[in-house]
Every structure is written in C-alpha cells, then in structure tokens.
Amino acid sequence: MARLLHLSDLHVVATGTRASGVLDTNALLRAAIDTLSERLTSIGPIDAVLVTGDISDDGSADSYAVAKAQLARLGLPVFVIPGNHDRRAAFREAFADTVPMPDDGPLDWVVEVLGTRIVGLDTLVEGQGGGRLRAQSLNHLAEALDQSEGRPVVVALHHPPLRTGIRFMDAIGLEDAKALEGILRRHDGPLRVLAGHVHGVYHGMLGGHPVVTAPSTCSAFALDQREEAPVGFMLGPLGFAVLDTAPGGVWAACSLAMGDGPYGF
C-alpha cells in the first residue's frame, strides 16, 4: 500500500509579491520543503505527494513555476488538484506533465500508487470562493469507484464536504456535498476523503467514509464560532499530514514547527 504526504493551501504568488499583502508564501513554502526534506527519513518512506488545492494565490504562471520547482525538491511524484484561488488554464499548463488531466473541462484525474487508487476532483468555480462538483466530476468519481476492485481509494478535493463552524469559511464551502455523499454511500470498500481549504485539521464522515482536512503551509484560521468572529487568517500553526493507505493505516497531521527535544522520560 501507499504512504502519501498530504499538503494543502500553499498560496504561492508571483515573485516579489505577498499573499494578501502580508504573507511571503513563497518563502514559507521554501521553508516547508526544507523542513520536509530533513524529516523525510523519519516520517518516510513516502511514495507520493498529494496537494489538495490552492497551489497558487493569484493564479499566475510565475506562481505555478515557483510551486512546481519547490515541490520537485522532494524528489517524489506530485499529484495536484485546483482550489478556489487557482486558475485552470495556467494550472493545466504547469502540471499537465505530472498529472493525467483532460485537455479541457474539469481537472479530474485518477492515478494508481502501489495498489491505492487516488481520484482527484476539481471543485473550482472561477471567480468565487465556494466550490462545486459538476455532473462530469461526479460521474468521473462513480466510474473510478466502480473500477476500484476492492483497492483502497483516496478521494482528493479542495473544498471539504464538512461544516467547520468557522462561518466565513463555511459560507464558501462545497455546494453539493449531498450529491457527493450519495456516490460515496454506494461504495463499500476502503475509502478516505482528503481535502484542504480550511487551513486546519477537521475530521468528519460522509456517506460512511472518513473526511479529513490538512493544515496549510502558510496560514491558519482560528476556530471561532461566534457570529461576530473576525474574518481573517492567523500566521500559524502551519503543517502537513501523512496518510498510510494500508489496512489499519492512519492519517496523521504534523506541525512544521517542532519544539525542543526529544527528552527522555
């Protein structure tokens, strides 16, 4: 079975600019890749990298070139799906050689990694923050599940089919989680849904299968469920996750910043 490094929400920008005028996300990604490279021997072996959207913050060709070059430093296959900040044309041009994407329409795909079927779904609606799965993408998923033949399946999408309680993020969530739930409920094999978008770790269930979201490499959102909660991001915590798709394997979220230690008991 496969072990996957799950990254999300890189929000890389054109060289010389900052995301939201504040975050040097290019430097943050470079630092994250430095850390991951150093820790691969301890968290590994890792078979592939899965990035669940918002690779870019501005959709520029330059941002994708920066992100692709940094991800390549890990020396692993990289599979990516778009998020609400991405732009399909530039995304497709940048990553067509790494993921088997169609030439037009939603950027949905299927890959096999050591007996695990990974299904990438495109939830991007260009020009808005919320996400949607088109009928084409739902059919793509149904067909991929029908052909899985009992293998572990990982379904990757940017917008999670969950409510976090963070009002400003839930307002730009996935519109059609019910349609996705109907397809997942018909599948009785091992399956996990991996997502991003909410810059934090959230767990839930959909159609009888677990759903998890990864932390971001650049920012976080506070879990503040008050109606008057401020809208905005925090500078941390930042992180990544590792998924083992073997029977009994776990999805583990990890911080990019470790404290001193280890100290003996």
Protein backbone atom coordinates (compact mmCIF):
# COMPACT_ATOMS: atom_id res chain seq x y z
CA MET A 1 0.00 0.00 0.00
CA ALA A 2 0.99 3.65 -0.35
CA ARG A 3 2.17 6.33 2.07
CA LEU A 4 1.25 9.83 0.93
CA LEU A 5 2.47 13.24 2.02
CA HIS A 6 -0.66 15.42 2.15
CA LEU A 7 -0.04 19.15 1.63
CA SER A 8 -2.59 21.88 1.07
CA ASP A 9 -3.11 25.59 0.56
CA LEU A 10 0.35 26.75 -0.46
CA HIS A 11 -0.97 30.08 -1.82
CA VAL A 12 2.19 30.79 -3.81
CA VAL A 13 2.32 34.19 -5.56
CA ALA A 14 4.26 35.82 -8.37
CA THR A 15 7.86 36.50 -7.43
CA GLY A 16 8.29 39.73 -5.46
CA THR A 17 4.72 39.89 -4.15
CA ARG A 18 2.92 38.74 -1.00
CA ALA A 19 -0.38 36.95 -0.50
CA SER A 20 -2.98 39.37 0.90
CA GLY A 21 -0.16 41.91 1.03
CA VAL A 22 1.14 40.20 4.19
CA LEU A 23 2.37 36.65 3.67
CA ASP A 24 5.61 35.81 1.89
CA THR A 25 4.12 32.46 0.89
CA ASN A 26 6.97 31.67 -1.49
CA ALA A 27 9.46 31.85 1.38
CA LEU A 28 7.09 29.90 3.61
CA LEU A 29 6.82 27.12 1.04
CA ARG A 30 10.60 27.04 0.60
CA ALA A 31 10.99 26.71 4.37
CA ALA A 32 8.33 23.99 4.48
CA ILE A 33 10.10 21.99 1.78
CA ASP A 34 13.41 22.43 3.66
CA THR A 35 11.77 21.02 6.78
CA LEU A 36 10.06 18.17 4.97
CA SER A 37 13.27 17.23 3.17
CA GLU A 38 15.04 16.96 6.52
CA ARG A 39 12.21 14.93 8.05
CA LEU A 40 11.56 12.51 5.19
CA THR A 41 13.84 9.92 6.73
CA SER A 42 11.83 9.98 9.96
CA ILE A 43 8.29 10.24 8.54
CA GLY A 44 9.03 8.06 5.49
CA PRO A 45 9.07 6.12 3.40
CA ILE A 46 6.81 8.38 1.33
CA ASP A 47 5.62 7.26 -2.10
CA ALA A 48 3.99 10.43 -3.46
CA VAL A 49 2.90 13.97 -2.60
CA LEU A 50 -0.78 14.95 -2.82
CA VAL A 51 -1.63 18.67 -2.76
CA THR A 52 -5.31 19.46 -2.21
CA GLY A 53 -5.62 22.81 -3.91
CA ASP A 54 -4.78 26.49 -3.71
CA ILE A 55 -1.31 25.86 -5.04
CA SER A 56 -1.41 29.47 -6.21
CA ASP A 57 -2.94 32.52 -4.57
CA ASP A 58 -3.03 34.70 -7.68
CA GLY A 59 -3.32 32.11 -10.50
CA SER A 60 -0.21 33.42 -12.24
CA ALA A 61 2.08 31.30 -14.39
CA ASP A 62 5.01 32.51 -12.31
CA SER A 63 3.42 31.28 -9.08
CA TYR A 64 2.93 27.80 -10.54
CA ALA A 65 6.53 27.70 -11.74
CA VAL A 66 7.71 28.58 -8.22
CA ALA A 67 5.44 25.98 -6.59
CA LYS A 68 6.39 23.25 -9.05
CA ALA A 69 10.10 23.87 -8.58
CA GLN A 70 9.80 23.75 -4.79
CA LEU A 71 7.69 20.58 -4.77
CA ALA A 72 10.15 18.90 -7.15
CA ARG A 73 12.86 19.25 -4.48
CA LEU A 74 11.21 16.41 -2.56
CA GLY A 75 12.11 14.01 -5.36
CA LEU A 76 8.68 12.34 -5.30
CA PRO A 77 5.72 12.05 -7.70
CA VAL A 78 3.45 15.06 -7.16
CA PHE A 79 -0.32 14.99 -7.72
CA VAL A 80 -2.26 18.24 -7.54
CA ILE A 81 -5.87 19.42 -7.73
CA PRO A 82 -7.06 23.04 -8.06
CA GLY A 83 -8.58 25.16 -5.30
CA ASN A 84 -10.64 28.31 -5.42
CA HIS A 85 -7.57 30.56 -5.83
CA ASP A 86 -6.21 28.54 -8.75
CA ARG A 87 -6.91 29.18 -12.41
CA ARG A 88 -7.46 26.22 -14.70
CA ALA A 89 -5.58 27.35 -17.81
CA ALA A 90 -2.35 28.18 -16.01
CA PHE A 91 -2.75 25.20 -13.65
CA ARG A 92 -3.21 22.78 -16.55
CA GLU A 93 -0.23 24.18 -18.41
CA ALA A 94 2.01 23.90 -15.35
CA PHE A 95 1.06 20.41 -14.17
CA ALA A 96 -0.09 18.52 -17.28
CA ASP A 97 3.18 16.57 -17.25
CA THR A 98 2.71 15.40 -13.64
CA VAL A 99 -1.00 14.51 -13.51
CA PRO A 100 -3.11 12.85 -16.25
CA MET A 101 -5.53 15.78 -16.64
CA PRO A 102 -8.02 16.16 -19.52
CA ASP A 103 -7.32 18.77 -22.19
CA ASP A 104 -10.47 20.73 -21.30
CA GLY A 105 -13.21 20.85 -18.70
CA PRO A 106 -12.81 19.96 -15.02
CA LEU A 107 -9.31 18.89 -13.98
CA ASP A 108 -10.35 15.46 -12.71
CA TRP A 109 -7.97 12.50 -12.80
CA VAL A 110 -7.19 9.02 -11.49
CA VAL A 111 -3.77 7.60 -10.63
CA GLU A 112 -2.61 4.33 -9.08
CA VAL A 113 0.14 4.33 -6.45
CA LEU A 114 1.24 0.95 -5.09
CA GLY A 115 -2.22 -0.59 -5.05
CA THR A 116 -4.01 2.59 -3.97
CA ARG A 117 -6.38 4.40 -6.32
CA ILE A 118 -6.27 8.20 -5.94
CA VAL A 119 -9.15 10.15 -7.50
CA GLY A 120 -8.66 13.89 -7.98
CA LEU A 121 -11.79 16.04 -8.23
CA ASP A 122 -12.00 19.64 -9.43
CA THR A 123 -14.30 21.82 -7.28
CA LEU A 124 -13.09 25.16 -8.67
CA VAL A 125 -15.68 27.74 -9.73
CA GLU A 126 -13.56 30.50 -11.18
CA GLY A 127 -14.48 33.91 -9.80
CA GLN A 128 -15.91 32.71 -6.49
CA GLY A 129 -14.64 31.27 -3.23
CA GLY A 130 -17.12 28.43 -2.88
CA GLY A 131 -16.79 25.11 -4.67
CA ARG A 132 -18.98 22.84 -6.76
CA LEU A 133 -18.73 19.35 -8.21
CA ARG A 134 -20.12 19.24 -11.73
CA ALA A 135 -22.05 16.25 -13.06
CA GLN A 136 -18.98 15.33 -15.12
CA SER A 137 -16.84 15.16 -11.98
CA LEU A 138 -19.42 13.15 -10.06
CA ASN A 139 -19.66 10.67 -12.94
CA HIS A 140 -15.86 10.50 -13.03
CA LEU A 141 -15.83 9.58 -9.35
CA ALA A 142 -18.60 6.99 -9.68
CA GLU A 143 -16.76 5.28 -12.54
CA ALA A 144 -13.44 5.34 -10.67
CA LEU A 145 -15.07 3.76 -7.61
CA ASP A 146 -16.81 1.10 -9.71
CA GLN A 147 -13.43 0.12 -11.15
CA SER A 148 -11.53 0.12 -7.85
CA GLU A 149 -11.95 -3.66 -7.35
CA GLY A 150 -11.51 -3.54 -3.59
CA ARG A 151 -8.33 -1.45 -3.61
CA PRO A 152 -8.00 1.39 -1.10
CA VAL A 153 -9.32 4.64 -2.56
CA VAL A 154 -8.32 8.19 -1.72
CA VAL A 155 -10.69 10.90 -2.98
CA ALA A 156 -8.97 14.28 -3.12
CA LEU A 157 -10.80 17.60 -3.46
CA HIS A 158 -10.18 21.14 -2.27
CA HIS A 159 -13.48 22.16 -0.68
CA PRO A 160 -14.32 19.74 2.15
CA PRO A 161 -17.84 18.35 2.38
CA LEU A 162 -17.91 19.38 6.05
CA ARG A 163 -19.02 22.33 8.16
CA THR A 164 -16.28 23.60 10.45
CA GLY A 165 -18.21 26.20 12.41
CA ILE A 166 -15.97 28.94 11.02
CA ARG A 167 -18.73 30.99 9.48
CA PHE A 168 -16.77 32.84 6.81
CA MET A 169 -15.24 29.57 5.56
CA ASP A 170 -18.46 27.58 5.70
CA ALA A 171 -20.03 30.33 3.56
CA ILE A 172 -17.61 29.41 0.77
CA GLY A 173 -17.74 25.65 1.23
CA LEU A 174 -18.80 22.86 -1.11
CA GLU A 175 -22.26 23.48 -2.56
CA ASP A 176 -23.22 19.92 -3.43
CA ALA A 177 -21.98 17.71 -0.64
CA LYS A 178 -25.25 15.75 -0.79
CA ALA A 179 -24.53 14.59 -4.34
CA LEU A 180 -21.06 13.50 -3.30
CA GLU A 181 -22.50 11.71 -0.27
CA GLY A 182 -24.84 9.69 -2.47
CA ILE A 183 -21.98 8.34 -4.57
CA LEU A 184 -19.75 7.59 -1.59
CA ARG A 185 -22.52 5.78 0.26
CA ARG A 186 -22.81 3.23 -2.55
CA HIS A 187 -19.13 2.30 -2.16
CA ASP A 188 -18.37 -0.36 0.46
CA GLY A 189 -14.60 -0.61 0.01
CA PRO A 190 -11.87 1.20 1.95
CA LEU A 191 -12.06 4.91 1.13
CA ARG A 192 -10.93 8.23 2.62
CA VAL A 193 -11.70 11.77 1.50
CA LEU A 194 -8.81 14.26 1.79
CA ALA A 195 -9.40 18.00 1.44
CA GLY A 196 -7.96 21.40 2.24
CA HIS A 197 -9.41 24.92 2.02
CA VAL A 198 -9.96 25.46 5.76
CA HIS A 199 -6.25 25.71 6.72
CA GLY A 200 -6.63 23.35 9.67
CA VAL A 201 -7.38 19.82 10.78
CA TYR A 202 -11.04 18.80 10.77
CA HIS A 203 -12.47 15.28 10.84
CA GLY A 204 -15.92 14.10 9.82
CA MET A 205 -17.85 11.42 7.95
CA LEU A 206 -19.67 11.45 4.63
CA GLY A 207 -21.51 8.52 3.15
CA GLY A 208 -19.99 6.22 5.77
CA HIS A 209 -16.41 7.23 4.95
CA PRO A 210 -13.94 9.47 6.84
CA VAL A 211 -13.20 13.01 5.67
CA VAL A 212 -10.10 14.92 6.85
CA THR A 213 -8.64 18.31 6.02
CA ALA A 214 -4.94 19.18 6.09
CA PRO A 215 -3.30 22.22 7.62
CA SER A 216 -1.79 24.84 5.33
CA THR A 217 1.89 25.58 4.77
CA CYS A 218 1.31 29.35 5.05
CA SER A 219 -1.53 30.34 7.42
CA ALA A 220 -4.38 29.13 9.60
CA PHE A 221 -7.92 30.09 10.58
CA ALA A 222 -8.92 30.27 14.22
CA LEU A 223 -11.81 28.07 15.33
CA ASP A 224 -14.08 30.93 16.36
CA GLN A 225 -17.78 30.13 16.04
CA ARG A 226 -19.14 33.45 17.33
CA GLU A 227 -21.40 35.38 14.97
CA GLU A 228 -19.14 38.41 15.41
CA ALA A 229 -15.92 36.43 14.85
CA PRO A 230 -13.35 38.46 12.88
CA VAL A 231 -12.74 37.44 9.29
CA GLY A 232 -9.11 36.75 8.54
CA PHE A 233 -6.16 34.41 8.90
CA MET A 234 -3.55 33.67 11.53
CA LEU A 235 0.18 33.24 10.92
CA GLY A 236 0.10 29.71 12.30
CA PRO A 237 0.11 26.90 13.16
CA LEU A 238 1.42 25.51 9.88
CA GLY A 239 1.63 21.86 8.99
CA PHE A 240 1.23 18.84 6.76
CA ALA A 241 -0.15 15.31 7.01
CA VAL A 242 0.89 11.76 6.21
CA LEU A 243 -1.52 9.03 5.11
CA ASP A 244 -0.82 5.30 5.18
CA THR A 245 -3.41 3.58 2.96
CA ALA A 246 -2.68 0.06 4.25
CA PRO A 247 -5.41 -1.69 6.30
CA GLY A 248 -5.30 -0.08 9.72
CA GLY A 249 -3.16 2.77 8.39
CA VAL A 250 -3.74 6.24 9.80
CA TRP A 251 -3.86 9.82 8.55
CA ALA A 252 -1.59 11.87 10.84
CA ALA A 253 -1.39 15.67 10.96
CA CYS A 254 2.02 17.10 11.85
CA SER A 255 3.30 20.57 12.70
CA LEU A 256 6.04 22.13 10.60
CA ALA A 257 7.48 23.69 13.78
CA MET A 258 8.72 21.27 16.41
CA GLY A 259 9.69 22.21 19.95
CA ASP A 260 12.96 21.26 21.60
CA GLY A 261 13.60 17.58 22.30
CA PRO A 262 13.14 14.73 22.41
CA TYR A 263 13.82 14.40 26.11
CA GLY A 264 13.98 11.04 27.87
CA PHE A 265 11.13 10.01 30.13
